[in-house]
Amino acid sequence: MPTTKSRRSAAGDPGGMSVSEAGRRGGNAVKRKYGREYYSEIGRKGGAAIAKERGPSYYSEIGKKGGEMVKRNQGAEFYSEIGRKGGEALRSKHGPEYYSRIGKKGGASRARGSKST
């Protein structure tokens, strides 16, 4: 059975495009016509509809399953590596004092929270 990428048009035209190529072209045409924001908007609407239908815990469940799958496939060290890379990217973007600023904000927020309880 041919894969999705190797399928040709229904007429059997050997010069036809693959299903993935047709999808890519169609997606690009929609993006040109409606703009990138269109995809964000329909994504938000779809996400809200799913949350309403299945409840907010649905996203927690699929996130947990996805994280477990990544851990199984990539190993636990993968998370350490991407965390390190993310930290380096933040440091190069915002400077080393960034961590000091956000640490102080977090500490102040935590102190305010503990006083009110």
N, C-alpha and C. Protein backbone atom coordinates (compact mmCIF):
# COMPACT_ATOMS: atom_id res chain seq x y z
N MET A 1 0.85 -1.18 0.00
CA MET A 1 0.00 0.00 0.00
C MET A 1 0.89 1.23 0.00
N PRO A 2 0.64 2.21 -0.87
CA PRO A 2 1.51 3.37 -0.94
C PRO A 2 1.33 4.26 0.28
N THR A 3 2.39 4.96 0.62
CA THR A 3 2.30 5.89 1.74
C THR A 3 1.58 7.15 1.28
N THR A 4 1.22 7.99 2.22
CA THR A 4 0.51 9.23 1.90
C THR A 4 1.34 10.08 0.95
N LYS A 5 2.64 10.13 1.16
CA LYS A 5 3.49 10.98 0.34
C LYS A 5 3.61 10.48 -1.10
N SER A 6 3.40 9.18 -1.32
CA SER A 6 3.58 8.67 -2.68
C SER A 6 2.27 8.57 -3.46
N ARG A 7 1.13 8.81 -2.81
CA ARG A 7 -0.14 8.73 -3.52
C ARG A 7 -0.23 9.83 -4.57
N ARG A 8 -0.83 9.49 -5.67
CA ARG A 8 -1.01 10.46 -6.76
C ARG A 8 -2.48 10.78 -6.91
N SER A 9 -2.79 11.65 -7.84
CA SER A 9 -4.18 12.06 -8.05
C SER A 9 -5.05 10.85 -8.39
N ALA A 10 -6.34 11.00 -8.18
CA ALA A 10 -7.28 9.91 -8.40
C ALA A 10 -7.28 9.45 -9.86
N ALA A 11 -6.99 10.34 -10.78
CA ALA A 11 -6.98 10.00 -12.20
C ALA A 11 -5.76 9.16 -12.57
N GLY A 12 -4.84 8.99 -11.63
CA GLY A 12 -3.66 8.19 -11.91
C GLY A 12 -2.63 8.94 -12.73
N ASP A 13 -2.77 10.23 -12.84
CA ASP A 13 -1.85 11.06 -13.61
C ASP A 13 -0.47 10.99 -12.96
N PRO A 14 0.53 10.46 -13.66
CA PRO A 14 1.86 10.35 -13.05
C PRO A 14 2.48 11.72 -12.76
N GLY A 15 1.97 12.77 -13.39
CA GLY A 15 2.48 14.10 -13.13
C GLY A 15 1.75 14.80 -12.00
N GLY A 16 0.78 14.10 -11.39
CA GLY A 16 0.00 14.70 -10.30
C GLY A 16 0.85 14.90 -9.06
N MET A 17 0.35 15.69 -8.16
CA MET A 17 1.11 15.95 -6.94
C MET A 17 0.70 15.00 -5.83
N SER A 18 1.56 14.85 -4.85
CA SER A 18 1.26 13.98 -3.72
C SER A 18 0.22 14.65 -2.82
N VAL A 19 -0.35 13.85 -1.95
CA VAL A 19 -1.34 14.37 -1.02
C VAL A 19 -0.70 15.41 -0.10
N SER A 20 0.51 15.14 0.35
CA SER A 20 1.17 16.09 1.24
C SER A 20 1.48 17.40 0.52
N GLU A 21 1.86 17.32 -0.75
CA GLU A 21 2.12 18.54 -1.54
C GLU A 21 0.83 19.33 -1.74
N ALA A 22 -0.26 18.65 -2.01
CA ALA A 22 -1.54 19.33 -2.18
C ALA A 22 -1.95 20.01 -0.88
N GLY A 23 -1.76 19.35 0.24
CA GLY A 23 -2.08 19.94 1.54
C GLY A 23 -1.21 21.15 1.84
N ARG A 24 0.07 21.05 1.53
CA ARG A 24 0.98 22.17 1.75
C ARG A 24 0.57 23.38 0.91
N ARG A 25 0.28 23.13 -0.36
CA ARG A 25 -0.14 24.22 -1.25
C ARG A 25 -1.46 24.84 -0.78
N GLY A 26 -2.39 24.00 -0.38
CA GLY A 26 -3.67 24.51 0.10
C GLY A 26 -3.51 25.34 1.37
N GLY A 27 -2.69 24.86 2.28
CA GLY A 27 -2.43 25.61 3.52
C GLY A 27 -1.77 26.95 3.24
N ASN A 28 -0.82 26.97 2.30
CA ASN A 28 -0.17 28.23 1.95
C ASN A 28 -1.13 29.19 1.28
N ALA A 29 -2.05 28.68 0.48
CA ALA A 29 -3.06 29.54 -0.17
C ALA A 29 -3.97 30.17 0.88
N VAL A 30 -4.40 29.37 1.86
CA VAL A 30 -5.24 29.90 2.93
C VAL A 30 -4.47 30.96 3.73
N LYS A 31 -3.20 30.69 4.01
CA LYS A 31 -2.39 31.64 4.76
C LYS A 31 -2.26 32.97 4.01
N ARG A 32 -2.05 32.90 2.69
CA ARG A 32 -1.96 34.12 1.88
C ARG A 32 -3.28 34.88 1.87
N LYS A 33 -4.39 34.14 1.80
CA LYS A 33 -5.71 34.78 1.71
C LYS A 33 -6.14 35.40 3.04
N TYR A 34 -5.99 34.65 4.15
CA TYR A 34 -6.53 35.09 5.43
C TYR A 34 -5.47 35.57 6.42
N GLY A 35 -4.22 35.24 6.21
CA GLY A 35 -3.16 35.65 7.13
C GLY A 35 -2.88 34.61 8.20
N ARG A 36 -1.74 34.77 8.85
CA ARG A 36 -1.32 33.82 9.89
C ARG A 36 -2.27 33.85 11.09
N GLU A 37 -2.84 35.00 11.37
CA GLU A 37 -3.72 35.14 12.52
C GLU A 37 -4.95 34.22 12.41
N TYR A 38 -5.34 33.92 11.18
CA TYR A 38 -6.48 33.04 10.95
C TYR A 38 -6.26 31.69 11.62
N TYR A 39 -5.06 31.14 11.47
CA TYR A 39 -4.76 29.84 12.07
C TYR A 39 -4.78 29.93 13.60
N SER A 40 -4.29 31.03 14.14
CA SER A 40 -4.34 31.20 15.59
C SER A 40 -5.77 31.25 16.09
N GLU A 41 -6.60 31.98 15.36
CA GLU A 41 -8.00 32.12 15.77
C GLU A 41 -8.75 30.79 15.70
N ILE A 42 -8.58 30.04 14.62
CA ILE A 42 -9.30 28.76 14.54
C ILE A 42 -8.73 27.76 15.55
N GLY A 43 -7.45 27.87 15.86
CA GLY A 43 -6.87 27.02 16.91
C GLY A 43 -7.46 27.32 18.27
N ARG A 44 -7.61 28.62 18.57
CA ARG A 44 -8.22 29.02 19.84
C ARG A 44 -9.65 28.53 19.94
N LYS A 45 -10.41 28.70 18.85
CA LYS A 45 -11.80 28.25 18.85
C LYS A 45 -11.90 26.73 19.02
N GLY A 46 -11.05 26.02 18.32
CA GLY A 46 -11.05 24.56 18.44
C GLY A 46 -10.66 24.11 19.83
N GLY A 47 -9.65 24.76 20.41
CA GLY A 47 -9.23 24.42 21.78
C GLY A 47 -10.33 24.68 22.79
N ALA A 48 -11.02 25.81 22.62
CA ALA A 48 -12.12 26.13 23.54
C ALA A 48 -13.25 25.12 23.40
N ALA A 49 -13.54 24.70 22.17
CA ALA A 49 -14.62 23.73 21.96
C ALA A 49 -14.27 22.38 22.58
N ILE A 50 -13.02 21.97 22.46
CA ILE A 50 -12.61 20.69 23.05
C ILE A 50 -12.63 20.77 24.57
N ALA A 51 -12.17 21.90 25.12
CA ALA A 51 -12.19 22.07 26.58
C ALA A 51 -13.63 22.02 27.09
N LYS A 52 -14.54 22.63 26.35
CA LYS A 52 -15.95 22.62 26.76
C LYS A 52 -16.54 21.21 26.68
N GLU A 53 -16.16 20.50 25.62
CA GLU A 53 -16.70 19.15 25.39
C GLU A 53 -16.11 18.13 26.36
N ARG A 54 -14.79 18.17 26.56
CA ARG A 54 -14.12 17.13 27.34
C ARG A 54 -13.67 17.57 28.71
N GLY A 55 -13.74 18.84 28.98
CA GLY A 55 -13.32 19.36 30.28
C GLY A 55 -11.86 19.76 30.28
N PRO A 56 -11.48 20.67 31.17
CA PRO A 56 -10.11 21.17 31.20
C PRO A 56 -9.08 20.11 31.57
N SER A 57 -9.49 19.07 32.27
CA SER A 57 -8.54 18.02 32.65
C SER A 57 -8.02 17.25 31.44
N TYR A 58 -8.74 17.34 30.33
CA TYR A 58 -8.32 16.65 29.11
C TYR A 58 -6.92 17.08 28.70
N TYR A 59 -6.67 18.39 28.75
CA TYR A 59 -5.36 18.90 28.34
C TYR A 59 -4.26 18.43 29.29
N SER A 60 -4.57 18.33 30.56
CA SER A 60 -3.59 17.80 31.52
C SER A 60 -3.26 16.35 31.20
N GLU A 61 -4.29 15.58 30.88
CA GLU A 61 -4.10 14.16 30.57
C GLU A 61 -3.24 13.97 29.33
N ILE A 62 -3.55 14.70 28.26
CA ILE A 62 -2.78 14.49 27.03
C ILE A 62 -1.37 15.05 27.16
N GLY A 63 -1.22 16.11 27.96
CA GLY A 63 0.12 16.65 28.21
C GLY A 63 0.98 15.66 28.98
N LYS A 64 0.37 15.02 29.96
CA LYS A 64 1.08 14.03 30.77
C LYS A 64 1.49 12.83 29.90
N LYS A 65 0.55 12.37 29.07
CA LYS A 65 0.85 11.25 28.17
C LYS A 65 1.97 11.61 27.20
N GLY A 66 1.90 12.82 26.67
CA GLY A 66 2.93 13.27 25.74
C GLY A 66 4.29 13.36 26.41
N GLY A 67 4.31 13.89 27.62
CA GLY A 67 5.57 13.99 28.37
C GLY A 67 6.16 12.62 28.69
N GLU A 68 5.30 11.68 29.04
CA GLU A 68 5.76 10.32 29.32
C GLU A 68 6.33 9.67 28.07
N MET A 69 5.69 9.93 26.92
CA MET A 69 6.17 9.36 25.67
C MET A 69 7.54 9.95 25.29
N VAL A 70 7.68 11.24 25.46
CA VAL A 70 8.97 11.88 25.17
C VAL A 70 10.04 11.33 26.09
N LYS A 71 9.72 11.19 27.37
CA LYS A 71 10.69 10.65 28.33
C LYS A 71 11.09 9.24 27.94
N ARG A 72 10.11 8.44 27.52
CA ARG A 72 10.40 7.05 27.12
C ARG A 72 11.27 7.02 25.86
N ASN A 73 10.96 7.88 24.89
CA ASN A 73 11.68 7.87 23.61
C ASN A 73 13.02 8.59 23.67
N GLN A 74 13.09 9.69 24.41
CA GLN A 74 14.29 10.52 24.42
C GLN A 74 15.17 10.30 25.65
N GLY A 75 14.58 9.80 26.72
CA GLY A 75 15.32 9.65 27.96
C GLY A 75 15.12 10.86 28.86
N ALA A 76 15.28 10.65 30.15
CA ALA A 76 15.08 11.72 31.12
C ALA A 76 16.09 12.85 30.92
N GLU A 77 17.28 12.53 30.42
CA GLU A 77 18.32 13.54 30.21
C GLU A 77 17.88 14.59 29.19
N PHE A 78 16.96 14.22 28.31
CA PHE A 78 16.46 15.14 27.29
C PHE A 78 15.91 16.41 27.93
N TYR A 79 15.16 16.26 29.02
CA TYR A 79 14.57 17.43 29.68
C TYR A 79 15.65 18.31 30.29
N SER A 80 16.69 17.70 30.84
CA SER A 80 17.80 18.49 31.37
C SER A 80 18.47 19.29 30.26
N GLU A 81 18.65 18.65 29.13
CA GLU A 81 19.31 19.31 28.00
C GLU A 81 18.47 20.47 27.45
N ILE A 82 17.18 20.26 27.26
CA ILE A 82 16.38 21.36 26.72
C ILE A 82 16.21 22.47 27.74
N GLY A 83 16.20 22.14 29.02
CA GLY A 83 16.15 23.17 30.06
C GLY A 83 17.41 24.01 30.07
N ARG A 84 18.56 23.34 29.92
CA ARG A 84 19.83 24.06 29.87
C ARG A 84 19.88 24.98 28.66
N LYS A 85 19.46 24.46 27.51
CA LYS A 85 19.46 25.28 26.28
C LYS A 85 18.51 26.47 26.41
N GLY A 86 17.35 26.24 27.01
CA GLY A 86 16.40 27.33 27.22
C GLY A 86 16.96 28.39 28.16
N GLY A 87 17.62 27.95 29.21
CA GLY A 87 18.24 28.90 30.15
C GLY A 87 19.33 29.72 29.49
N GLU A 88 20.13 29.06 28.65
CA GLU A 88 21.18 29.78 27.93
C GLU A 88 20.58 30.80 26.97
N ALA A 89 19.50 30.43 26.30
CA ALA A 89 18.85 31.35 25.37
C ALA A 89 18.29 32.56 26.10
N LEU A 90 17.67 32.33 27.27
CA LEU A 90 17.16 33.45 28.06
C LEU A 90 18.29 34.36 28.53
N ARG A 91 19.38 33.75 28.98
CA ARG A 91 20.51 34.54 29.46
C ARG A 91 21.08 35.40 28.34
N SER A 92 21.20 34.84 27.14
CA SER A 92 21.76 35.62 26.04
C SER A 92 20.79 36.70 25.56
N LYS A 93 19.49 36.45 25.70
CA LYS A 93 18.49 37.44 25.28
C LYS A 93 18.33 38.56 26.29
N HIS A 94 18.27 38.21 27.59
CA HIS A 94 17.94 39.19 28.63
C HIS A 94 19.12 39.58 29.50
N GLY A 95 20.22 38.86 29.42
CA GLY A 95 21.38 39.14 30.27
C GLY A 95 21.32 38.35 31.56
N PRO A 96 22.49 38.19 32.20
CA PRO A 96 22.55 37.37 33.42
C PRO A 96 21.75 37.94 34.60
N GLU A 97 21.53 39.26 34.62
CA GLU A 97 20.78 39.86 35.73
C GLU A 97 19.29 39.52 35.67
N TYR A 98 18.85 38.98 34.56
CA TYR A 98 17.44 38.60 34.38
C TYR A 98 17.00 37.62 35.48
N TYR A 99 17.83 36.63 35.77
CA TYR A 99 17.47 35.63 36.76
C TYR A 99 17.36 36.25 38.15
N SER A 100 18.19 37.23 38.43
CA SER A 100 18.12 37.92 39.71
C SER A 100 16.80 38.68 39.83
N ARG A 101 16.42 39.37 38.75
CA ARG A 101 15.16 40.14 38.75
C ARG A 101 13.96 39.22 38.95
N ILE A 102 13.89 38.14 38.20
CA ILE A 102 12.70 37.28 38.32
C ILE A 102 12.71 36.53 39.64
N GLY A 103 13.87 36.25 40.18
CA GLY A 103 13.95 35.60 41.50
C GLY A 103 13.41 36.51 42.58
N LYS A 104 13.75 37.80 42.50
CA LYS A 104 13.24 38.77 43.48
C LYS A 104 11.73 38.91 43.35
N LYS A 105 11.24 38.95 42.11
CA LYS A 105 9.79 39.04 41.91
C LYS A 105 9.08 37.82 42.50
N GLY A 106 9.62 36.64 42.25
CA GLY A 106 9.02 35.42 42.79
C GLY A 106 9.05 35.38 44.30
N GLY A 107 10.16 35.82 44.88
CA GLY A 107 10.26 35.86 46.33
C GLY A 107 9.28 36.83 46.94
N ALA A 108 9.13 38.00 46.31
CA ALA A 108 8.19 39.01 46.82
C ALA A 108 6.75 38.50 46.70
N SER A 109 6.46 37.83 45.61
CA SER A 109 5.11 37.29 45.40
C SER A 109 4.81 36.21 46.45
N ARG A 110 5.77 35.37 46.70
CA ARG A 110 5.60 34.30 47.68
C ARG A 110 5.41 34.88 49.09
N ALA A 111 6.17 35.93 49.39
CA ALA A 111 6.05 36.56 50.71
C ALA A 111 4.67 37.19 50.87
N ARG A 112 4.18 37.84 49.84
CA ARG A 112 2.83 38.41 49.92
C ARG A 112 1.79 37.32 50.12
N GLY A 113 1.95 36.19 49.44
CA GLY A 113 0.99 35.08 49.55
C GLY A 113 0.98 34.47 50.93
N SER A 114 2.14 34.36 51.55
CA SER A 114 2.20 33.71 52.87
C SER A 114 1.66 34.62 53.96
N LYS A 115 1.74 35.95 53.78
CA LYS A 115 1.21 36.87 54.77
C LYS A 115 -0.30 36.88 54.79
N SER A 116 -0.91 36.62 53.62
CA SER A 116 -2.38 36.70 53.53
C SER A 116 -3.07 35.43 53.99
N THR A 117 -2.32 34.37 54.25
CA THR A 117 -2.96 33.12 54.70
C THR A 117 -2.97 32.97 56.18
